[in-house]
Every structure is written in structure tokens, then in C-alpha cells.
Amino acid sequence: MDERFDREEETRVKFFSDEKTGEDLNEDDIIYGIDEENPSEAGAYYDDPEDDDDFDEEEEKKEKLTCPVCGKEINFFTKKRVVRGLYICGDCEDKSAIDRHKKEIKKYSPEEALKTVVYRIRKAEEFTVTKSADGYLLLDNGRELWTVPYAATLIKNTPKIDPEHIFPFDAIESYELIEDGNLLAKGGRNKPLIGGLLFGNEGAGFSGNSEDHDTVEHLQVRINLNDMTTPKVFINLIFKETDKDKRAYGRAFLTAQKILSMLEIICHQDDRQEEDAKKTSSSDYSPADEIKKYKELLDMGAITQEEYDAKKAKLLDL
């Protein structure tokens, strides 16, 4: 370890390794600067607060801070670091899911990181859950958005949403139910749900390639998206060996049924809207209204009496 100054001096310059462990310093613990007494000597300054005579760990633990996002009081034990110089409370960390994007965020300045946290919290709060498949798939029907929570708190039983993983309905291309690598059911946009016999639907003859085993290790729904950033989203319903005759397997399969039903509705929403529009159009049609319209055109002189009589006869099937 190189030492350019004696211990008695306030400024210490150390280069990329800890003298106690010999390990490389963390990038976040390195401050780049210039030695004031030797301006030509530039290096990486590592300032360990515990080396300072006035450093008091107990005092730091007692220090009270304020979350810059929500204003909640935080301290040494409850503060959550986003980047160097920016700490927020645990609730704001959960709402923004910022801890899931550490590689991206660590390049930000404290100001940029704070703006990102605020934006993501606002985006998460705007998402209103109107329908849920046992907490595994959440829909905001009003804004036509959906998401898959990445975790659920045991105490509040509230799913944790990653704001960066909120997608529009039309992002879904197709979906599949997979059990231990075997395809059990599939469907998608402009595609019917195949595998309905698994759920008791008559007329769907696909039964999958599942082999007859007494246990299952993986049961998941894979959603394929037309999104280059996130091309696939997985919903894991079973992720450890589970007996098929256990209630846990039955509950997971019922949840899978709910998820596929919701995805089926989303993917064929446009088809139903077109059918409804056609029904509305046909139900609103009235020969009397059409005759009245042509009579007004006749009175305006836009059409002749012969043209009016021809249209009237056609509408009345005379």
C-alpha cells in the first residue's frame, strides 16, 4: 500500500487496495481528485470515515434523515441507499422497485436518481388494479394495462409492482401454460385457446404432451410480447417439487385457469368490440329513418321525386 502522507496529516492517498485486506476498493468508495500539495500527482482518494478522530458510529446511527420523496423520517437502520448521496425510505424503495435496477441506476447522479424514483412511484400509483388472478396477474382495465408482480409482502399481502414492467394490453402476442417443459395449453391474439379440456371446456381437443408423473417441479405461464426490451414474461406458479394430489398443486392449476382466461379475454378484446359494433349498427338501422332522410333530401331539392320513390320502394322491399 502506497502512503504519500503520514498518519498525522489529514489527507491520505491510497491506491485501489485496502491495506488491511489487500482487496480492491469498491468503485463507490473511490473519490477522484488531485493532491493539493502536489498538484501534478493525481490519484484515487479513499476517505474512510472511521479513520477520522471525530467519527462516531453511534452518533451516525442516531442521526435522523428525511426521505426526499415522501418526507418520512429515516435513520441509519431504515434508510435505503439508491446511489452515493441519496437515501430513501423502505416504502419508496418498494414502490419504485429501484433496487431491481441497481446496475442502471448506479450510473446516475443523485439528482437524476431521485427524479427516476419519483417517476416510477407515480407510474406505479397510477396503476389501478381492477382484476386479479390470485395476485399473479393484475389488470387495469380502465387504462388497458397489465403487470405481473415480482413479490408480495407477507404482512400487508400486497403485491409489489415494478413500474418498468407495466405493459399495455396490445403488447401480448401469445401465451402458453408449461408444466415441467411440456406444453399444456396455448393461445394468443387471433388464435383460439387450445388445451381447453384441461379446464373442462368442450370442443378443445389439445391435451398437451405432459407425461403421467405423480409430482411436478415447475408450472408456469409464459407470455410472449411484441416488446424488444422485454420479449417474455413468466408467471411461476410452482417452482419446487410438488405432489399432484396435494392441495398446492390444485390451487396452482386453478390460478393457471384464471390467468389463461384473463389473457384470452385480452387477446380477443378487439374481436368482441368489432362484433358489438356490427350488432349496434344493425340494431340501429331503421327503414323509416332512411326514408325520412331521403324525404328531407327531396324537400331540399337534392334528389328528384323519381329517385325518392325508387329509394323508398327499395327500403320497403316493394
Protein backbone atom coordinates (compact mmCIF):
# COMPACT_ATOMS: atom_id res chain seq x y z
CA MET A 1 0.00 0.00 0.00
CA ASP A 2 1.43 3.39 -1.05
CA GLU A 3 1.20 6.17 1.52
CA ARG A 4 2.03 9.69 0.36
CA PHE A 5 1.32 11.37 3.65
CA ASP A 6 1.99 10.50 7.28
CA ARG A 7 -0.82 9.35 9.52
CA GLU A 8 -0.72 12.69 11.38
CA GLU A 9 -1.76 14.55 8.25
CA GLU A 10 -5.44 14.88 7.48
CA THR A 11 -5.25 13.90 3.80
CA ARG A 12 -4.48 10.29 2.95
CA VAL A 13 -3.99 8.98 -0.57
CA LYS A 14 -4.30 5.26 -1.16
CA PHE A 15 -4.36 3.44 -4.45
CA PHE A 16 -7.04 0.86 -5.25
CA SER A 17 -6.41 -1.63 -2.44
CA ASP A 18 -7.25 -1.84 1.21
CA GLU A 19 -4.21 -2.10 3.46
CA LYS A 20 -5.96 -4.50 5.86
CA THR A 21 -7.44 -6.97 3.40
CA GLY A 22 -5.49 -6.31 0.22
CA GLU A 23 -8.80 -6.33 -1.66
CA ASP A 24 -9.66 -3.84 -4.38
CA LEU A 25 -11.73 -0.90 -3.25
CA ASN A 26 -15.33 -0.64 -4.32
CA GLU A 27 -15.91 1.87 -7.09
CA ASP A 28 -18.35 3.75 -4.85
CA ASP A 29 -15.64 4.26 -2.19
CA ILE A 30 -13.22 5.98 -4.55
CA ILE A 31 -13.08 9.74 -4.85
CA TYR A 32 -11.08 11.06 -7.77
CA GLY A 33 -9.05 14.21 -7.07
CA ILE A 34 -5.68 15.96 -7.03
CA ASP A 35 -3.21 16.22 -4.18
CA GLU A 36 -3.23 19.90 -3.21
CA GLU A 37 0.38 19.84 -2.04
CA ASN A 38 1.49 18.04 -5.21
CA PRO A 39 -0.89 19.22 -7.97
CA SER A 40 0.89 17.15 -10.57
CA GLU A 41 0.05 13.98 -8.68
CA ALA A 42 -3.47 12.85 -9.49
CA GLY A 43 -4.94 9.74 -7.97
CA ALA A 44 -7.88 8.00 -6.34
CA TYR A 45 -8.60 9.24 -2.85
CA TYR A 46 -10.19 6.87 -0.40
CA ASP A 47 -11.54 8.60 2.67
CA ASP A 48 -12.56 6.14 5.37
CA PRO A 49 -14.66 7.98 7.96
CA GLU A 50 -13.65 5.52 10.67
CA ASP A 51 -10.06 6.78 10.34
CA ASP A 52 -11.17 10.27 11.38
CA ASP A 53 -10.74 11.15 15.03
CA ASP A 54 -14.16 12.76 15.18
CA PHE A 55 -16.04 9.80 13.59
CA ASP A 56 -18.61 8.34 15.95
CA GLU A 57 -20.52 5.32 14.68
CA GLU A 58 -23.06 5.60 17.50
CA GLU A 59 -23.75 9.20 16.56
CA GLU A 60 -24.26 8.23 12.93
CA LYS A 61 -26.78 5.58 13.99
CA LYS A 62 -28.69 8.23 15.95
CA GLU A 63 -28.67 10.68 13.03
CA LYS A 64 -32.16 11.29 11.65
CA LEU A 65 -32.72 11.97 7.96
CA THR A 66 -35.78 12.66 5.84
CA CYS A 67 -36.80 10.69 2.76
CA PRO A 68 -36.57 13.21 -0.11
CA VAL A 69 -39.50 11.52 -1.86
CA CYS A 70 -42.23 11.24 0.77
CA GLY A 71 -40.78 13.21 3.69
CA LYS A 72 -40.83 10.25 6.07
CA GLU A 73 -38.19 10.24 8.79
CA ILE A 74 -35.44 7.67 8.26
CA ASN A 75 -32.32 6.73 10.19
CA PHE A 76 -29.18 4.60 9.99
CA PHE A 77 -31.19 1.37 10.17
CA THR A 78 -34.15 2.26 7.93
CA LYS A 79 -32.51 4.30 5.15
CA LYS A 80 -32.12 2.64 1.75
CA ARG A 81 -29.27 3.70 -0.48
CA VAL A 82 -30.08 4.44 -4.12
CA VAL A 83 -26.78 5.97 -5.19
CA ARG A 84 -23.99 7.68 -3.30
CA GLY A 85 -25.50 10.70 -1.56
CA LEU A 86 -29.16 9.64 -1.98
CA TYR A 87 -31.09 7.65 0.62
CA ILE A 88 -34.83 6.94 0.64
CA CYS A 89 -37.23 5.06 2.92
CA GLY A 90 -38.14 1.40 2.52
CA ASP A 91 -41.69 2.15 1.30
CA CYS A 92 -40.41 4.34 -1.54
CA GLU A 93 -37.85 1.68 -2.43
CA ASP A 94 -40.66 -0.90 -2.67
CA LYS A 95 -43.00 1.34 -4.69
CA SER A 96 -40.31 2.33 -7.19
CA ALA A 97 -38.69 -1.15 -7.32
CA ILE A 98 -35.48 0.80 -7.71
CA ASP A 99 -33.42 -1.93 -6.06
CA ARG A 100 -34.20 -4.18 -9.06
CA HIS A 101 -32.37 -1.79 -11.39
CA LYS A 102 -29.15 -1.13 -9.49
CA LYS A 103 -26.84 -1.62 -12.50
CA GLU A 104 -28.69 1.06 -14.43
CA ILE A 105 -29.16 3.48 -11.52
CA LYS A 106 -25.60 3.41 -10.19
CA LYS A 107 -24.50 5.48 -13.21
CA TYR A 108 -26.89 8.29 -12.27
CA SER A 109 -26.19 11.39 -10.22
CA PRO A 110 -28.23 11.80 -7.00
CA GLU A 111 -30.48 14.31 -8.78
CA GLU A 112 -31.11 12.01 -11.75
CA ALA A 113 -31.70 9.03 -9.48
CA LEU A 114 -34.22 10.99 -7.39
CA LYS A 115 -36.17 12.02 -10.50
CA THR A 116 -36.23 8.38 -11.61
CA VAL A 117 -37.55 7.20 -8.23
CA VAL A 118 -40.30 9.84 -8.22
CA TYR A 119 -41.31 8.99 -11.81
CA ARG A 120 -41.52 5.27 -11.11
CA ILE A 121 -43.55 5.75 -7.93
CA ARG A 122 -46.01 7.98 -9.80
CA LYS A 123 -46.29 5.38 -12.57
CA ALA A 124 -46.96 2.61 -10.04
CA GLU A 125 -49.57 4.66 -8.17
CA GLU A 126 -51.43 5.43 -11.40
CA PHE A 127 -51.88 1.70 -12.00
CA THR A 128 -55.31 0.80 -10.56
CA VAL A 129 -55.95 -2.92 -10.07
CA THR A 130 -59.43 -3.75 -11.34
CA LYS A 131 -58.95 -7.51 -11.73
CA SER A 132 -56.51 -10.01 -10.29
CA ALA A 133 -55.72 -13.68 -10.84
CA ASP A 134 -54.91 -14.52 -7.22
CA GLY A 135 -52.27 -11.77 -7.22
CA TYR A 136 -50.21 -13.35 -10.01
CA LEU A 137 -51.62 -11.26 -12.89
CA LEU A 138 -53.02 -7.76 -12.31
CA LEU A 139 -55.17 -5.78 -14.75
CA ASP A 140 -56.03 -2.11 -15.00
CA ASN A 141 -58.99 -2.39 -17.36
CA GLY A 142 -59.68 1.33 -17.37
CA ARG A 143 -56.28 2.12 -18.89
CA GLU A 144 -55.89 -1.29 -20.59
CA LEU A 145 -52.68 -2.14 -18.73
CA TRP A 146 -51.40 -5.29 -17.04
CA THR A 147 -48.46 -6.40 -14.94
CA VAL A 148 -47.02 -9.39 -13.11
CA PRO A 149 -45.91 -8.59 -9.53
CA TYR A 150 -42.37 -9.58 -8.65
CA ALA A 151 -43.12 -10.23 -4.97
CA ALA A 152 -45.79 -9.93 -2.30
CA THR A 153 -45.25 -8.72 1.23
CA LEU A 154 -46.31 -11.27 3.83
CA ILE A 155 -47.57 -8.71 6.32
CA LYS A 156 -49.63 -6.46 4.04
CA ASN A 157 -50.31 -9.19 1.47
CA THR A 158 -49.79 -6.51 -1.16
CA PRO A 159 -48.16 -7.42 -4.48
CA LYS A 160 -45.00 -5.49 -5.35
CA ILE A 161 -45.18 -3.92 -8.79
CA ASP A 162 -42.20 -2.99 -10.93
CA PRO A 163 -43.31 0.18 -12.78
CA GLU A 164 -40.96 -0.69 -15.64
CA HIS A 165 -42.92 -3.93 -16.16
CA ILE A 166 -46.37 -2.43 -16.70
CA PHE A 167 -47.49 -3.25 -20.24
CA PRO A 168 -50.43 -2.33 -22.50
CA PHE A 169 -52.96 -4.99 -23.44
CA ASP A 170 -51.90 -4.94 -27.09
CA ALA A 171 -48.31 -5.90 -26.15
CA ILE A 172 -49.43 -9.52 -25.71
CA GLU A 173 -48.85 -11.72 -28.76
CA SER A 174 -49.38 -15.20 -27.32
CA TYR A 175 -49.23 -17.23 -24.11
CA GLU A 176 -48.53 -20.80 -23.03
CA LEU A 177 -49.05 -22.98 -19.96
CA ILE A 178 -45.99 -25.17 -19.41
CA GLU A 179 -45.56 -27.99 -16.89
CA ASP A 180 -42.06 -29.43 -16.49
CA GLY A 181 -41.21 -28.40 -20.04
CA ASN A 182 -44.39 -29.84 -21.55
CA LEU A 183 -46.89 -27.57 -23.30
CA LEU A 184 -50.37 -27.99 -21.79
CA ALA A 185 -52.27 -25.10 -23.34
CA LYS A 186 -51.65 -22.13 -25.61
CA GLY A 187 -53.44 -19.20 -27.15
CA GLY A 188 -52.89 -15.67 -28.36
CA ARG A 189 -54.00 -12.77 -30.48
CA ASN A 190 -56.16 -14.02 -33.36
CA LYS A 191 -55.64 -17.55 -32.02
CA PRO A 192 -58.15 -19.69 -30.10
CA LEU A 193 -57.23 -21.16 -26.74
CA ILE A 194 -56.01 -24.72 -27.36
CA GLY A 195 -55.95 -27.06 -24.39
CA GLY A 196 -59.37 -26.21 -23.02
CA LEU A 197 -60.07 -29.83 -21.99
CA LEU A 198 -57.64 -29.26 -19.16
CA PHE A 199 -60.11 -26.74 -17.80
CA GLY A 200 -63.29 -28.62 -18.62
CA ASN A 201 -64.13 -26.81 -21.88
CA GLU A 202 -65.76 -28.96 -24.51
CA GLY A 203 -64.60 -28.70 -28.08
CA ALA A 204 -60.91 -28.03 -27.45
CA GLY A 205 -59.04 -31.23 -28.09
CA PHE A 206 -55.48 -30.33 -27.20
CA SER A 207 -54.32 -32.24 -24.11
CA GLY A 208 -50.63 -31.37 -24.19
CA ASN A 209 -47.55 -33.56 -24.09
CA SER A 210 -47.49 -33.94 -20.32
CA GLU A 211 -46.30 -37.33 -19.17
CA ASP A 212 -48.02 -39.12 -16.32
CA HIS A 213 -45.97 -38.22 -13.22
CA ASP A 214 -47.00 -38.08 -9.59
CA THR A 215 -45.04 -34.89 -8.95
CA VAL A 216 -44.42 -31.55 -10.66
CA GLU A 217 -41.37 -29.32 -10.28
CA HIS A 218 -42.36 -26.39 -12.49
CA LEU A 219 -45.71 -24.97 -13.57
CA GLN A 220 -45.57 -21.62 -15.31
CA VAL A 221 -47.36 -19.35 -17.74
CA ARG A 222 -45.18 -17.76 -20.41
CA ILE A 223 -46.47 -14.56 -22.01
CA ASN A 224 -44.82 -13.59 -25.30
CA LEU A 225 -44.74 -9.85 -26.04
CA ASN A 226 -44.09 -7.64 -29.04
CA ASP A 227 -41.64 -5.71 -26.88
CA MET A 228 -37.93 -5.82 -27.74
CA THR A 229 -36.88 -4.79 -24.21
CA THR A 230 -38.97 -7.48 -22.50
CA PRO A 231 -39.89 -10.16 -25.05
CA LYS A 232 -41.16 -12.67 -22.48
CA VAL A 233 -42.77 -12.56 -19.03
CA PHE A 234 -43.00 -15.67 -16.86
CA ILE A 235 -45.54 -16.35 -14.13
CA ASN A 236 -44.18 -19.10 -11.92
CA LEU A 237 -46.95 -20.96 -10.12
CA ILE A 238 -44.91 -23.97 -8.94
CA PHE A 239 -41.12 -23.84 -8.62
CA LYS A 240 -40.33 -26.80 -6.38
CA GLU A 241 -41.28 -30.47 -6.38
CA THR A 242 -44.99 -30.78 -5.57
CA ASP A 243 -47.22 -33.84 -5.39
CA LYS A 244 -50.10 -33.69 -7.83
CA ASP A 245 -52.51 -34.97 -5.21
CA LYS A 246 -51.68 -32.09 -2.87
CA ARG A 247 -53.86 -29.02 -2.46
CA ALA A 248 -50.97 -26.77 -3.50
CA TYR A 249 -50.99 -28.27 -6.99
CA GLY A 250 -54.76 -27.92 -7.28
CA ARG A 251 -54.64 -24.26 -6.23
CA ALA A 252 -51.83 -23.53 -8.70
CA PHE A 253 -53.79 -25.14 -11.52
CA LEU A 254 -56.91 -23.15 -10.69
CA THR A 255 -54.81 -19.98 -10.74
CA ALA A 256 -53.43 -21.01 -14.13
CA GLN A 257 -57.02 -21.33 -15.37
CA LYS A 258 -57.81 -17.79 -14.20
CA ILE A 259 -54.66 -16.39 -15.82
CA LEU A 260 -55.32 -18.04 -19.18
CA SER A 261 -58.96 -16.92 -19.12
CA MET A 262 -57.91 -13.31 -18.50
CA LEU A 263 -55.28 -13.47 -21.25
CA GLU A 264 -57.84 -14.97 -23.63
CA ILE A 265 -60.22 -12.08 -22.97
CA ILE A 266 -57.44 -9.52 -23.52
CA CYS A 267 -56.26 -11.07 -26.78
CA HIS A 268 -59.76 -11.24 -28.28
CA GLN A 269 -60.99 -7.92 -26.97
CA ASP A 270 -60.77 -6.28 -30.40
CA ASP A 271 -62.78 -9.11 -31.99
CA ARG A 272 -65.59 -8.65 -29.49
CA GLN A 273 -65.58 -4.89 -29.97
CA GLU A 274 -65.97 -5.34 -33.73
CA GLU A 275 -68.85 -7.78 -33.22
CA ASP A 276 -70.53 -5.41 -30.78
CA ALA A 277 -70.12 -2.55 -33.24
CA LYS A 278 -71.76 -4.61 -36.01
CA LYS A 279 -74.65 -5.57 -33.71
CA THR A 280 -75.13 -1.97 -32.67
CA SER A 281 -75.03 -0.83 -36.27
CA SER A 282 -77.59 -3.41 -37.36
CA SER A 283 -79.87 -2.77 -34.37
CA ASP A 284 -79.80 0.98 -35.00
CA TYR A 285 -80.84 0.54 -38.64
CA SER A 286 -84.43 1.56 -39.36
CA PRO A 287 -86.10 1.80 -42.85
CA ALA A 288 -88.33 4.58 -41.56
CA ASP A 289 -85.29 6.67 -40.57
CA GLU A 290 -83.75 6.11 -44.01
CA ILE A 291 -86.98 7.13 -45.76
CA LYS A 292 -87.15 10.25 -43.60
CA LYS A 293 -83.59 11.11 -44.58
CA TYR A 294 -84.38 10.79 -48.31
CA LYS A 295 -87.59 12.82 -47.85
CA GLU A 296 -85.50 15.65 -46.40
CA LEU A 297 -83.19 15.43 -49.40
CA LEU A 298 -86.26 15.58 -51.71
CA ASP A 299 -87.62 18.64 -49.93
CA MET A 300 -84.22 20.31 -50.24
CA GLY A 301 -84.22 19.59 -53.96
CA ALA A 302 -81.12 17.41 -53.66
CA ILE A 303 -82.87 14.45 -55.32
CA THR A 304 -85.82 14.11 -57.73
CA GLN A 305 -89.22 12.62 -56.97
CA GLU A 306 -88.34 9.58 -59.08
CA GLU A 307 -85.13 8.98 -57.12
CA TYR A 308 -87.00 9.33 -53.84
CA ASP A 309 -89.71 6.88 -54.92
CA ALA A 310 -87.06 4.33 -56.03
CA LYS A 311 -85.20 4.54 -52.72
CA LYS A 312 -88.45 4.28 -50.74
CA ALA A 313 -89.57 1.20 -52.70
CA LYS A 314 -86.20 -0.45 -52.16
CA LEU A 315 -86.22 0.21 -48.43
CA LEU A 316 -89.74 -1.13 -48.06
CA ASP A 317 -89.00 -4.10 -50.34
CA LEU A 318 -91.90 -3.15 -52.60
